[in-house]
C-alpha atoms as a PDB file:
ATOM      1  CA  MET A   1     222.579  70.754 208.517  1.00  0.00           C
ATOM      2  CA  SER A   2     224.592  71.166 211.810  1.00  0.00           C
ATOM      3  CA  THR A   3     222.471  70.051 214.625  1.00  0.00           C
ATOM      4  CA  TYR A   4     225.081  72.007 217.094  1.00  0.00           C
ATOM      5  CA  SER A   5     223.016  75.325 218.260  1.00  0.00           C
ATOM      6  CA  LEU A   6     224.539  78.331 218.490  1.00  0.00           C
ATOM      7  CA  SER A   7     222.437  78.408 222.383  1.00  0.00           C
ATOM      8  CA  ASP A   8     224.692  75.137 223.063  1.00  0.00           C
ATOM      9  CA  GLY A   9     227.614  76.429 222.220  1.00  0.00           C
ATOM     10  CA  LEU A  10     227.333  79.247 223.994  1.00  0.00           C
ATOM     11  CA  ALA A  11     226.096  77.803 227.379  1.00  0.00           C
ATOM     12  CA  SER A  12     229.132  75.543 227.422  1.00  0.00           C
ATOM     13  CA  GLY A  13     230.924  77.507 228.415  1.00  0.00           C
ATOM     14  CA  ALA A  14     233.298  77.951 224.953  1.00  0.00           C
ATOM     15  CA  PRO A  15     236.510  79.902 225.262  1.00  0.00           C
ATOM     16  CA  ARG A  16     235.793  83.377 223.096  1.00  0.00           C
ATOM     17  CA  LEU A  17     238.084  82.792 220.343  1.00  0.00           C
ATOM     18  CA  SER A  18     235.698  79.478 219.218  1.00  0.00           C
ATOM     19  CA  ARG A  19     232.615  82.006 219.053  1.00  0.00           C
ATOM     20  CA  ALA A  20     233.431  83.743 216.203  1.00  0.00           C
ATOM     21  CA  PRO A  21     233.378  80.640 213.997  1.00  0.00           C
ATOM     22  CA  LEU A  22     230.112  79.381 215.815  1.00  0.00           C
ATOM     23  CA  LEU A  23     228.508  82.400 215.077  1.00  0.00           C
ATOM     24  CA  ALA A  24     229.986  82.225 211.457  1.00  0.00           C
ATOM     25  CA  ASN A  25     228.184  78.800 211.459  1.00  0.00           C
ATOM     26  CA  TRP A  26     225.172  80.162 212.943  1.00  0.00           C
ATOM     27  CA  ALA A  27     224.674  82.516 210.086  1.00  0.00           C
ATOM     28  CA  LYS A  28     225.517  80.149 207.358  1.00  0.00           C
ATOM     29  CA  GLU A  29     222.899  78.038 208.509  1.00  0.00           C
ATOM     30  CA  SER A  30     220.602  80.539 209.627  1.00  0.00           C
ATOM     31  CA  GLY A  31     220.774  83.440 207.172  1.00  0.00           C
ATOM     32  CA  ALA A  32     218.451  82.317 204.420  1.00  0.00           C
ATOM     33  CA  GLY A  33     215.564  82.297 206.706  1.00  0.00           C
ATOM     34  CA  VAL A  34     216.138  85.432 208.671  1.00  0.00           C
ATOM     35  CA  LEU A  35     216.367  87.237 205.021  1.00  0.00           C
ATOM     36  CA  ALA A  36     213.213  85.341 204.218  1.00  0.00           C
ATOM     37  CA  SER A  37     211.579  87.027 207.436  1.00  0.00           C
ATOM     38  CA  ILE A  38     212.729  90.004 206.925  1.00  0.00           C
ATOM     39  CA  ALA A  39     211.393  90.104 203.057  1.00  0.00           C
ATOM     40  CA  TRP A  40     208.175  88.764 204.218  1.00  0.00           C
ATOM     41  CA  ILE A  41     208.529  91.964 206.895  1.00  0.00           C
ATOM     42  CA  ALA A  42     208.856  94.178 204.334  1.00  0.00           C
ATOM     43  CA  PHE A  43     206.090  92.447 202.311  1.00  0.00           C
ATOM     44  CA  GLY A  44     203.633  92.851 205.133  1.00  0.00           C
ATOM     45  CA  LEU A  45     204.980  96.895 205.648  1.00  0.00           C
ATOM     46  CA  SER A  46     203.983  97.400 201.758  1.00  0.00           C
ATOM     47  CA  CYS A  47     200.872  96.260 202.490  1.00  0.00           C
ATOM     48  CA  LEU A  48     199.907  98.289 205.263  1.00  0.00           C
ATOM     49  CA  TRP A  49     202.201 101.279 205.178  1.00  0.00           C
ATOM     50  CA  TRP A  50     201.005 102.967 202.281  1.00  0.00           C
ATOM     51  CA  ALA A  51     197.299 103.464 201.092  1.00  0.00           C
ATOM     52  CA  ASP A  52     196.024 101.839 197.603  1.00  0.00           C
ATOM     53  CA  VAL A  53     195.411 103.705 194.702  1.00  0.00           C
ATOM     54  CA  GLY A  54     192.738 101.713 194.626  1.00  0.00           C
ATOM     55  CA  ASP A  55     189.485 100.237 196.598  1.00  0.00           C
ATOM     56  CA  TRP A  56     191.022  96.535 197.719  1.00  0.00           C
ATOM     57  CA  SER A  57     188.875  94.653 200.638  1.00  0.00           C
ATOM     58  CA  ARG A  58     191.807  91.871 201.050  1.00  0.00           C
ATOM     59  CA  THR A  59     195.209  94.466 201.798  1.00  0.00           C
ATOM     60  CA  HIS A  60     195.108  94.629 205.597  1.00  0.00           C
ATOM     61  CA  SER A  61     194.648  90.538 205.989  1.00  0.00           C
ATOM     62  CA  LEU A  62     197.402  90.122 203.343  1.00  0.00           C
ATOM     63  CA  GLY A  63     199.496  92.138 205.296  1.00  0.00           C
ATOM     64  CA  ILE A  64     198.402  90.289 208.421  1.00  0.00           C
ATOM     65  CA  ALA A  65     199.538  87.061 206.697  1.00  0.00           C
ATOM     66  CA  ALA A  66     202.461  88.641 205.627  1.00  0.00           C
ATOM     67  CA  PHE A  67     203.938  89.072 209.217  1.00  0.00           C
ATOM     68  CA  VAL A  68     202.443  85.414 210.111  1.00  0.00           C
ATOM     69  CA  ILE A  69     204.527  83.925 207.312  1.00  0.00           C
ATOM     70  CA  ALA A  70     207.758  85.910 208.228  1.00  0.00           C
ATOM     71  CA  ALA A  71     207.300  84.506 211.920  1.00  0.00           C
ATOM     72  CA  ILE A  72     207.245  81.306 210.541  1.00  0.00           C
ATOM     73  CA  ALA A  73     210.435  81.605 208.546  1.00  0.00           C
ATOM     74  CA  LEU A  74     212.128  83.085 211.502  1.00  0.00           C
ATOM     75  CA  PHE A  75     211.420  80.853 214.154  1.00  0.00           C
ATOM     76  CA  GLY A  76     211.405  77.658 212.338  1.00  0.00           C
ATOM     77  CA  THR A  77     215.154  78.482 210.979  1.00  0.00           C
ATOM     78  CA  ILE A  78     215.924  79.415 214.333  1.00  0.00           C
ATOM     79  CA  GLY A  79     214.312  76.287 216.113  1.00  0.00           C
ATOM     80  CA  ALA A  80     214.987  74.066 212.963  1.00  0.00           C
ATOM     81  CA  ASP A  81     217.105  71.505 214.746  1.00  0.00           C
ATOM     82  CA  TYR A  82     214.142  70.889 216.937  1.00  0.00           C
ATOM     83  CA  LEU A  83     211.670  70.848 214.312  1.00  0.00           C
ATOM     84  CA  GLY A  84     212.881  67.285 212.575  1.00  0.00           C
ATOM     85  CA  SER A  85     211.644  67.051 209.118  1.00  0.00           C
ATOM     86  CA  ALA A  86     209.990  69.853 209.087  1.00  0.00           C
ATOM     87  CA  GLY A  87     212.787  72.515 209.855  1.00  0.00           C
ATOM     88  CA  ARG A  88     214.987  70.775 207.282  1.00  0.00           C
ATOM     89  CA  ALA A  89     212.304  71.693 204.453  1.00  0.00           C
ATOM     90  CA  LEU A  90     211.843  74.924 206.177  1.00  0.00           C
ATOM     91  CA  HIS A  91     215.909  75.184 205.910  1.00  0.00           C
ATOM     92  CA  LYS A  92     215.900  73.863 202.341  1.00  0.00           C
ATOM     93  CA  ARG A  93     213.196  76.380 200.887  1.00  0.00           C
ATOM     94  CA  ALA A  94     214.174  79.074 202.789  1.00  0.00           C
ATOM     95  CA  PRO A  95     215.859  81.156 199.486  1.00  0.00           C
ATOM     96  CA  TRP A  96     213.030  80.274 197.734  1.00  0.00           C
ATOM     97  CA  LEU A  97     210.927  82.049 200.756  1.00  0.00           C
ATOM     98  CA  VAL A  98     213.163  85.315 200.052  1.00  0.00           C
ATOM     99  CA  ALA A  99     212.852  85.384 196.181  1.00  0.00           C
ATOM    100  CA  LEU A 100     209.014  85.016 196.614  1.00  0.00           C
ATOM    101  CA  GLY A 101     208.626  87.941 199.230  1.00  0.00           C
ATOM    102  CA  ALA A 102     210.622  90.376 197.557  1.00  0.00           C
ATOM    103  CA  PHE A 103     208.530  89.568 194.380  1.00  0.00           C
ATOM    104  CA  LEU A 104     205.610  89.810 196.189  1.00  0.00           C
ATOM    105  CA  THR A 105     206.901  93.303 197.542  1.00  0.00           C
ATOM    106  CA  LEU A 106     207.970  94.923 194.381  1.00  0.00           C
ATOM    107  CA  TRP A 107     204.537  94.036 192.926  1.00  0.00           C
ATOM    108  CA  GLU A 108     202.849  95.264 195.954  1.00  0.00           C
ATOM    109  CA  VAL A 109     204.258  98.629 195.384  1.00  0.00           C
ATOM    110  CA  ALA A 110     204.593  98.743 191.092  1.00  0.00           C
ATOM    111  CA  THR A 111     200.814  98.253 191.400  1.00  0.00           C
ATOM    112  CA  ALA A 112     198.440  98.746 194.521  1.00  0.00           C
ATOM    113  CA  LYS A 113     200.628 101.447 196.005  1.00  0.00           C
ATOM    114  CA  PHE A 114     202.045 103.823 192.565  1.00  0.00           C
ATOM    115  CA  ALA A 115     200.095 102.035 189.961  1.00  0.00           C
ATOM    116  CA  TRP A 116     203.616 102.126 188.002  1.00  0.00           C
ATOM    117  CA  LEU A 117     201.960  99.145 185.936  1.00  0.00           C
ATOM    118  CA  PRO A 118     198.989 100.083 184.131  1.00  0.00           C
ATOM    119  CA  LEU A 119     195.350  98.619 185.976  1.00  0.00           C
ATOM    120  CA  PRO A 120     193.354  96.730 185.424  1.00  0.00           C
ATOM    121  CA  PHE A 121     196.056  95.120 183.029  1.00  0.00           C
ATOM    122  CA  PHE A 122     198.586  94.254 186.128  1.00  0.00           C
ATOM    123  CA  PRO A 123     196.163  93.955 189.134  1.00  0.00           C
ATOM    124  CA  PRO A 124     198.009  93.754 192.685  1.00  0.00           C
ATOM    125  CA  PRO A 125     198.235  90.649 194.893  1.00  0.00           C
ATOM    126  CA  GLN A 126     195.156  91.562 196.920  1.00  0.00           C
ATOM    127  CA  SER A 127     193.278  91.494 194.307  1.00  0.00           C
ATOM    128  CA  ILE A 128     193.689  87.782 193.221  1.00  0.00           C
ATOM    129  CA  ILE A 129     193.294  86.805 196.807  1.00  0.00           C
ATOM    130  CA  GLU A 130     189.412  88.354 196.581  1.00  0.00           C
ATOM    131  CA  VAL A 131     189.047  86.237 193.463  1.00  0.00           C
ATOM    132  CA  TYR A 132     189.061  82.830 195.738  1.00  0.00           C
ATOM    133  CA  THR A 133     186.977  84.557 198.489  1.00  0.00           C
ATOM    134  CA  ASP A 134     184.694  86.327 196.731  1.00  0.00           C
ATOM    135  CA  ASP A 135     184.629  84.203 193.334  1.00  0.00           C
ATOM    136  CA  LEU A 136     185.346  81.000 194.862  1.00  0.00           C
ATOM    137  CA  PRO A 137     181.952  78.949 193.864  1.00  0.00           C
ATOM    138  CA  LYS A 138     182.251  79.743 190.343  1.00  0.00           C
ATOM    139  CA  LEU A 139     185.948  78.986 190.456  1.00  0.00           C
ATOM    140  CA  LEU A 140     185.591  75.757 191.855  1.00  0.00           C
ATOM    141  CA  ASP A 141     183.349  75.087 189.304  1.00  0.00           C
ATOM    142  CA  SER A 142     185.543  75.468 186.337  1.00  0.00           C
ATOM    143  CA  VAL A 143     188.065  73.213 188.367  1.00  0.00           C
ATOM    144  CA  PHE A 144     185.602  70.528 188.796  1.00  0.00           C
ATOM    145  CA  ALA A 145     184.522  70.275 185.341  1.00  0.00           C
ATOM    146  CA  SER A 146     188.048  70.529 183.526  1.00  0.00           C
ATOM    147  CA  VAL A 147     189.248  67.868 185.876  1.00  0.00           C
ATOM    148  CA  LYS A 148     186.241  65.701 184.840  1.00  0.00           C
ATOM    149  CA  LEU A 149     187.136  66.555 181.272  1.00  0.00           C
ATOM    150  CA  GLN A 150     190.860  66.296 181.375  1.00  0.00           C
ATOM    151  CA  LEU A 151     190.393  62.974 183.457  1.00  0.00           C
ATOM    152  CA  GLY A 152     188.143  61.485 180.862  1.00  0.00           C
ATOM    153  CA  GLY A 153     189.738  61.684 177.938  1.00  0.00           C
ATOM    154  CA  TYR A 154     193.490  61.245 179.179  1.00  0.00           C
ATOM    155  CA  LEU A 155     192.473  58.197 180.549  1.00  0.00           C
ATOM    156  CA  ILE A 156     190.950  57.181 177.155  1.00  0.00           C
ATOM    157  CA  GLY A 157     193.857  58.391 175.420  1.00  0.00           C
ATOM    158  CA  ALA A 158     196.058  57.031 177.474  1.00  0.00           C
ATOM    159  CA  THR A 159     194.254  53.054 177.505  1.00  0.00           C
ATOM    160  CA  VAL A 160     193.886  53.129 173.557  1.00  0.00           C
ATOM    161  CA  GLY A 161     197.405  54.106 173.286  1.00  0.00           C
ATOM    162  CA  PHE A 162     199.080  51.770 175.495  1.00  0.00           C
ATOM    163  CA  LEU A 163     196.965  48.802 173.641  1.00  0.00           C
ATOM    164  CA  THR A 164     197.884  50.153 170.526  1.00  0.00           C
ATOM    165  CA  GLY A 165     201.513  50.320 171.409  1.00  0.00           C
ATOM    166  CA  VAL A 166     201.404  46.820 172.373  1.00  0.00           C
ATOM    167  CA  SER A 167     199.652  45.648 169.441  1.00  0.00           C
ATOM    168  CA  ILE A 168     202.056  47.309 167.166  1.00  0.00           C
ATOM    169  CA  GLY A 169     205.666  46.325 168.848  1.00  0.00           C
ATOM    170  CA  TRP A 170     204.165  42.539 169.397  1.00  0.00           C
ATOM    171  CA  SER A 171     202.627  41.970 166.203  1.00  0.00           C
ATOM    172  CA  ARG A 172     203.981  42.494 162.676  1.00  0.00           C
ATOM    173  CA  ALA A 173     200.714  42.197 161.188  1.00  0.00           C
ATOM    174  CA  VAL A 174     199.644  44.922 162.994  1.00  0.00           C
ATOM    175  CA  GLY A 175     202.071  47.021 162.592  1.00  0.00           C
ATOM    176  CA  TYR A 176     201.845  46.402 158.781  1.00  0.00           C
ATOM    177  CA  TRP A 177     198.306  48.224 159.129  1.00  0.00           C
ATOM    178  CA  VAL A 178     198.055  50.708 161.790  1.00  0.00           C
ATOM    179  CA  HIS A 179     201.535  51.953 161.788  1.00  0.00           C
ATOM    180  CA  PRO A 180     200.822  54.255 158.349  1.00  0.00           C
ATOM    181  CA  VAL A 181     198.087  55.276 159.763  1.00  0.00           C
ATOM    182  CA  LEU A 182     199.779  56.668 163.079  1.00  0.00           C
ATOM    183  CA  ARG A 183     202.118  58.253 161.187  1.00  0.00           C
ATOM    184  CA  PHE A 184     199.423  60.136 158.777  1.00  0.00           C
ATOM    185  CA  ILE A 185     197.390  60.816 161.660  1.00  0.00           C
ATOM    186  CA  GLY A 186     199.708  61.124 164.817  1.00  0.00           C
ATOM    187  CA  PRO A 187     201.998  64.255 163.892  1.00  0.00           C
ATOM    188  CA  LEU A 188     198.768  66.520 163.746  1.00  0.00           C
ATOM    189  CA  PRO A 189     198.149  68.627 166.011  1.00  0.00           C
ATOM    190  CA  ALA A 190     195.227  67.869 168.074  1.00  0.00           C
ATOM    191  CA  THR A 191     193.446  71.174 167.536  1.00  0.00           C
ATOM    192  CA  ALA A 192     193.587  70.977 163.632  1.00  0.00           C
ATOM    193  CA  TRP A 193     191.198  68.509 164.647  1.00  0.00           C
ATOM    194  CA  LEU A 194     188.741  71.214 165.909  1.00  0.00           C
ATOM    195  CA  PRO A 195     186.594  71.943 163.213  1.00  0.00           C
ATOM    196  CA  ILE A 196     185.931  68.207 162.051  1.00  0.00           C
ATOM    197  CA  ALA A 197     185.682  66.915 165.648  1.00  0.00           C
ATOM    198  CA  PHE A 198     182.687  69.796 166.801  1.00  0.00           C
ATOM    199  CA  PHE A 199     180.902  68.898 164.075  1.00  0.00           C
ATOM    200  CA  THR A 200     180.941  65.135 164.233  1.00  0.00           C
ATOM    201  CA  PHE A 201     180.294  64.514 167.661  1.00  0.00           C
ATOM    202  CA  PRO A 202     177.191  64.986 169.168  1.00  0.00           C
ATOM    203  CA  SER A 203     177.787  67.447 171.845  1.00  0.00           C
ATOM    204  CA  SER A 204     181.057  69.927 172.697  1.00  0.00           C
ATOM    205  CA  TRP A 205     181.552  67.859 175.541  1.00  0.00           C
ATOM    206  CA  SER A 206     182.412  64.270 173.673  1.00  0.00           C
ATOM    207  CA  ALA A 207     184.508  66.120 171.068  1.00  0.00           C
ATOM    208  CA  SER A 208     186.652  67.896 173.732  1.00  0.00           C
ATOM    209  CA  THR A 209     187.123  64.438 175.526  1.00  0.00           C
ATOM    210  CA  PHE A 210     188.206  63.111 171.674  1.00  0.00           C
ATOM    211  CA  LEU A 211     190.569  65.847 170.875  1.00  0.00           C
ATOM    212  CA  ILE A 212     192.097  65.122 174.518  1.00  0.00           C
ATOM    213  CA  ALA A 213     192.673  61.573 174.382  1.00  0.00           C
ATOM    214  CA  LEU A 214     193.984  62.011 170.843  1.00  0.00           C
ATOM    215  CA  ALA A 215     196.699  64.335 172.526  1.00  0.00           C
ATOM    216  CA  THR A 216     197.137  61.719 174.679  1.00  0.00           C
ATOM    217  CA  GLY A 217     197.278  58.933 172.481  1.00  0.00           C
ATOM    218  CA  PHE A 218     199.850  59.648 169.926  1.00  0.00           C
ATOM    219  CA  PRO A 219     202.814  59.942 172.368  1.00  0.00           C
ATOM    220  CA  VAL A 220     201.876  56.801 174.430  1.00  0.00           C
ATOM    221  CA  THR A 221     201.253  54.799 171.483  1.00  0.00           C
ATOM    222  CA  VAL A 222     205.022  55.570 169.907  1.00  0.00           C
ATOM    223  CA  LEU A 223     206.667  55.528 173.108  1.00  0.00           C
ATOM    224  CA  THR A 224     205.107  52.187 174.188  1.00  0.00           C
ATOM    225  CA  TRP A 225     205.911  50.514 170.899  1.00  0.00           C
ATOM    226  CA  SER A 226     208.921  51.858 170.866  1.00  0.00           C
ATOM    227  CA  GLY A 227     209.240  50.188 174.540  1.00  0.00           C
ATOM    228  CA  VAL A 228     207.815  46.745 173.561  1.00  0.00           C
ATOM    229  CA  ALA A 229     210.019  46.604 170.202  1.00  0.00           C
ATOM    230  CA  SER A 230     213.179  47.078 172.420  1.00  0.00           C
ATOM    231  CA  VAL A 231     213.103  44.568 174.587  1.00  0.00           C
ATOM    232  CA  SER A 232     216.053  41.779 174.434  1.00  0.00           C
ATOM    233  CA  ASN A 233     215.011  38.827 172.717  1.00  0.00           C
ATOM    234  CA  ALA A 234     217.362  36.977 175.333  1.00  0.00           C
ATOM    235  CA  TYR A 235     214.571  37.531 177.737  1.00  0.00           C
ATOM    236  CA  TYR A 236     211.675  35.962 175.355  1.00  0.00           C
ATOM    237  CA  ASP A 237     214.464  32.898 174.776  1.00  0.00           C
ATOM    238  CA  VAL A 238     214.603  32.105 178.884  1.00  0.00           C
ATOM    239  CA  ALA A 239     210.495  32.196 179.380  1.00  0.00           C
ATOM    240  CA  ARG A 240     210.120  30.339 176.179  1.00  0.00           C
ATOM    241  CA  THR A 241     212.719  27.862 177.712  1.00  0.00           C
ATOM    242  CA  LEU A 242     210.563  27.452 180.694  1.00  0.00           C
ATOM    243  CA  GLY A 243     207.747  26.909 178.699  1.00  0.00           C
ATOM    244  CA  ALA A 244     205.678  30.073 178.520  1.00  0.00           C
ATOM    245  CA  LYS A 245     202.904  30.822 176.400  1.00  0.00           C
ATOM    246  CA  PRO A 246     202.467  33.987 173.837  1.00  0.00           C
ATOM    247  CA  SER A 247     199.859  35.772 176.783  1.00  0.00           C
ATOM    248  CA  PHE A 248     202.662  35.132 179.045  1.00  0.00           C
ATOM    249  CA  LEU A 249     205.168  36.139 176.679  1.00  0.00           C
ATOM    250  CA  VAL A 250     203.305  40.054 176.389  1.00  0.00           C
ATOM    251  CA  LEU A 251     202.114  40.391 179.816  1.00  0.00           C
ATOM    252  CA  LYS A 252     204.757  39.344 182.116  1.00  0.00           C
ATOM    253  CA  VAL A 253     207.966  39.788 179.813  1.00  0.00           C
ATOM    254  CA  ALA A 254     207.090  42.583 176.931  1.00  0.00           C
ATOM    255  CA  ILE A 255     205.028  44.947 179.024  1.00  0.00           C
ATOM    256  CA  PRO A 256     206.892  45.075 182.340  1.00  0.00           C
ATOM    257  CA  ALA A 257     210.122  45.609 179.973  1.00  0.00           C
ATOM    258  CA  ALA A 258     208.632  48.833 178.313  1.00  0.00           C
ATOM    259  CA  LEU A 259     206.982  50.362 181.311  1.00  0.00           C
ATOM    260  CA  PRO A 260     209.823  53.145 181.537  1.00  0.00           C
ATOM    261  CA  HIS A 261     208.968  54.075 177.785  1.00  0.00           C
ATOM    262  CA  VAL A 262     205.445  54.064 178.753  1.00  0.00           C
ATOM    263  CA  PHE A 263     205.886  56.376 181.561  1.00  0.00           C
ATOM    264  CA  VAL A 264     207.612  58.835 179.931  1.00  0.00           C
ATOM    265  CA  GLY A 265     204.656  58.496 176.722  1.00  0.00           C
ATOM    266  CA  LEU A 266     202.134  59.194 179.668  1.00  0.00           C
ATOM    267  CA  PHE A 267     204.247  62.282 180.831  1.00  0.00           C
ATOM    268  CA  MET A 268     204.070  63.644 177.138  1.00  0.00           C
ATOM    269  CA  GLY A 269     200.711  63.088 176.706  1.00  0.00           C
ATOM    270  CA  LEU A 270     199.757  64.592 179.678  1.00  0.00           C
ATOM    271  CA  GLY A 271     201.005  67.854 178.571  1.00  0.00           C
ATOM    272  CA  SER A 272     199.681  67.613 175.110  1.00  0.00           C
ATOM    273  CA  SER A 273     196.325  66.682 176.667  1.00  0.00           C
ATOM    274  CA  PHE A 274     196.417  70.252 179.263  1.00  0.00           C
ATOM    275  CA  ALA A 275     197.310  72.383 176.003  1.00  0.00           C
ATOM    276  CA  VAL A 276     194.476  70.777 174.262  1.00  0.00           C
ATOM    277  CA  LEU A 277     192.233  71.023 177.198  1.00  0.00           C
ATOM    278  CA  VAL A 278     192.160  75.214 177.506  1.00  0.00           C
ATOM    279  CA  VAL A 279     191.737  75.272 173.697  1.00  0.00           C
ATOM    280  CA  ALA A 280     188.719  73.260 173.593  1.00  0.00           C
ATOM    281  CA  GLU A 281     186.808  74.834 177.153  1.00  0.00           C
ATOM    282  CA  MET A 282     187.621  78.226 175.310  1.00  0.00           C
ATOM    283  CA  ILE A 283     185.923  77.528 171.712  1.00  0.00           C
ATOM    284  CA  GLY A 284     183.475  75.149 172.653  1.00  0.00           C
ATOM    285  CA  VAL A 285     182.744  73.678 176.399  1.00  0.00           C
ATOM    286  CA  LYS A 286     180.444  75.938 178.728  1.00  0.00           C
ATOM    287  CA  ALA A 287     182.491  75.052 181.853  1.00  0.00           C
ATOM    288  CA  GLY A 288     186.210  74.428 183.155  1.00  0.00           C
ATOM    289  CA  LEU A 289     188.932  76.167 183.474  1.00  0.00           C
ATOM    290  CA  GLY A 290     189.638  77.723 179.830  1.00  0.00           C
ATOM    291  CA  TRP A 291     186.044  78.629 179.780  1.00  0.00           C
ATOM    292  CA  TYR A 292     186.842  80.877 182.899  1.00  0.00           C
ATOM    293  CA  LEU A 293     189.512  82.483 181.508  1.00  0.00           C
ATOM    294  CA  GLN A 294     187.708  83.330 178.269  1.00  0.00           C
ATOM    295  CA  TRP A 295     184.944  84.946 180.372  1.00  0.00           C
ATOM    296  CA  ALA A 296     187.032  86.982 182.303  1.00  0.00           C
ATOM    297  CA  GLN A 297     188.993  88.352 179.240  1.00  0.00           C
ATOM    298  CA  GLY A 298     185.620  89.695 178.084  1.00  0.00           C
ATOM    299  CA  TRP A 299     185.085  91.151 181.625  1.00  0.00           C
ATOM    300  CA  ALA A 300     188.255  92.574 181.583  1.00  0.00           C
ATOM    301  CA  ALA A 301     188.586  90.251 184.777  1.00  0.00           C
ATOM    302  CA  TYR A 302     192.256  89.946 184.680  1.00  0.00           C
ATOM    303  CA  ALA A 303     192.728  89.478 188.209  1.00  0.00           C
ATOM    304  CA  ASN A 304     190.508  86.405 187.683  1.00  0.00           C
ATOM    305  CA  MET A 305     192.501  85.510 184.766  1.00  0.00           C
ATOM    306  CA  TYR A 306     195.751  85.273 186.867  1.00  0.00           C
ATOM    307  CA  ALA A 307     194.040  83.367 189.499  1.00  0.00           C
ATOM    308  CA  ALA A 308     192.638  81.014 186.666  1.00  0.00           C
ATOM    309  CA  LEU A 309     196.156  80.515 185.350  1.00  0.00           C
ATOM    310  CA  ILE A 310     197.422  79.888 188.886  1.00  0.00           C
ATOM    311  CA  VAL A 311     195.152  77.494 189.935  1.00  0.00           C
ATOM    312  CA  MET A 312     195.582  75.865 186.029  1.00  0.00           C
ATOM    313  CA  SER A 313     199.682  75.607 187.140  1.00  0.00           C
ATOM    314  CA  LEU A 314     199.130  74.106 190.537  1.00  0.00           C
ATOM    315  CA  LEU A 315     196.590  71.471 188.565  1.00  0.00           C
ATOM    316  CA  CYS A 316     198.751  70.242 185.695  1.00  0.00           C
ATOM    317  CA  SER A 317     202.059  70.677 188.236  1.00  0.00           C
ATOM    318  CA  GLY A 318     199.918  68.453 190.959  1.00  0.00           C
ATOM    319  CA  ALA A 319     198.873  65.752 188.034  1.00  0.00           C
ATOM    320  CA  ILE A 320     202.579  65.577 186.777  1.00  0.00           C
ATOM    321  CA  THR A 321     203.929  64.949 190.221  1.00  0.00           C
ATOM    322  CA  LEU A 322     201.336  61.789 190.913  1.00  0.00           C
ATOM    323  CA  LEU A 323     202.067  60.346 187.837  1.00  0.00           C
ATOM    324  CA  PHE A 324     206.018  60.562 188.694  1.00  0.00           C
ATOM    325  CA  ALA A 325     205.017  58.890 192.650  1.00  0.00           C
ATOM    326  CA  ILE A 326     202.757  56.154 190.851  1.00  0.00           C
ATOM    327  CA  ARG A 327     206.067  55.831 188.429  1.00  0.00           C
ATOM    328  CA  ASP A 328     208.450  55.561 191.242  1.00  0.00           C
ATOM    329  CA  ARG A 329     206.197  52.904 192.907  1.00  0.00           C
ATOM    330  CA  LEU A 330     205.754  50.736 190.107  1.00  0.00           C
ATOM    331  CA  LEU A 331     209.204  51.149 188.759  1.00  0.00           C
ATOM    332  CA  VAL A 332     211.180  50.662 192.031  1.00  0.00           C
ATOM    333  CA  TRP A 333     214.479  50.183 190.441  1.00  0.00           C
ATOM    334  CA  GLN A 334     214.278  53.239 188.176  1.00  0.00           C
ATOM    335  CA  LYS A 335     213.237  55.626 191.111  1.00  0.00           C
ATOM    336  CA  GLY A 336     215.260  58.864 191.159  1.00  0.00           C
ATOM    337  CA  THR A 337     216.433  58.749 187.261  1.00  0.00           C
ATOM    338  CA  VAL A 338     213.985  60.905 186.584  1.00  0.00           C
ATOM    339  CA  LYS A 339     213.403  63.719 188.073  1.00  0.00           C
ATOM    340  CA  TRP A 340     210.164  66.293 188.281  1.00  0.00           C
END
């Protein structure tokens, strides 16, 4: 992005013929930000200009917030050269601000203003904002319960899967006995074990933890095993020449070389575990976002359901982003090879 602003060019006494390209360059650099500001102004006007077909208390606040975002987009784009990294980030995301502002405007008009989409199945934006303000304690309790359940099951599954994968990849004897069991149990969806798990374990919480661990463990095991088995024998030969013991070969040669495969397994296991988490909470656990979705559907509180879906999406995306940040930190030589 150019660091030469429009005001600098006009103030420097540039010839009139050279100002047209300068204006065109400024429009190219700042056009998306101006359009984003216009889109959010349109959203704010759509909130405040027409009367709502229903009774939603957050319409005025949402309109004011839209005008604030429009001002940030406009002044942030105009002064992007002086805002450093924040200005560059805003300029990069300006097209998304345009799309989001236009989408929210259409959503507002089609639901809260003219009810083109049937209520309550399609609540307006301010209805979802009301959930985040009025029902925040229950939603936060559900978030904490889901995070605790997901974290426990995922860590257990990842640990067991990692150790099992290393054992199969390193030892032929272990692979002889474990591989057939893995091929028999692994391909089954973890949700297929729901009746057995809830009958066998003493509580729905422990049964759900087992199901999440099972969904996580299979991909981690397979990818870790593949990584250890694919390590070149030349690495082991060099280490043995230097007097390395078997424990050194496993900890310092096999596992570091297999880490790229391990993180792929962790990524796949994380997605699978989130799916199992929601199903387990809907069926057995009496807390969590899955339970919250079931409760909202039972009471026809579709705004609460959409609000919970947004939170779940943010949690899952944030967890994957954190996993990739750890991967880039540990595997510096492969940073950026896998994008998220």
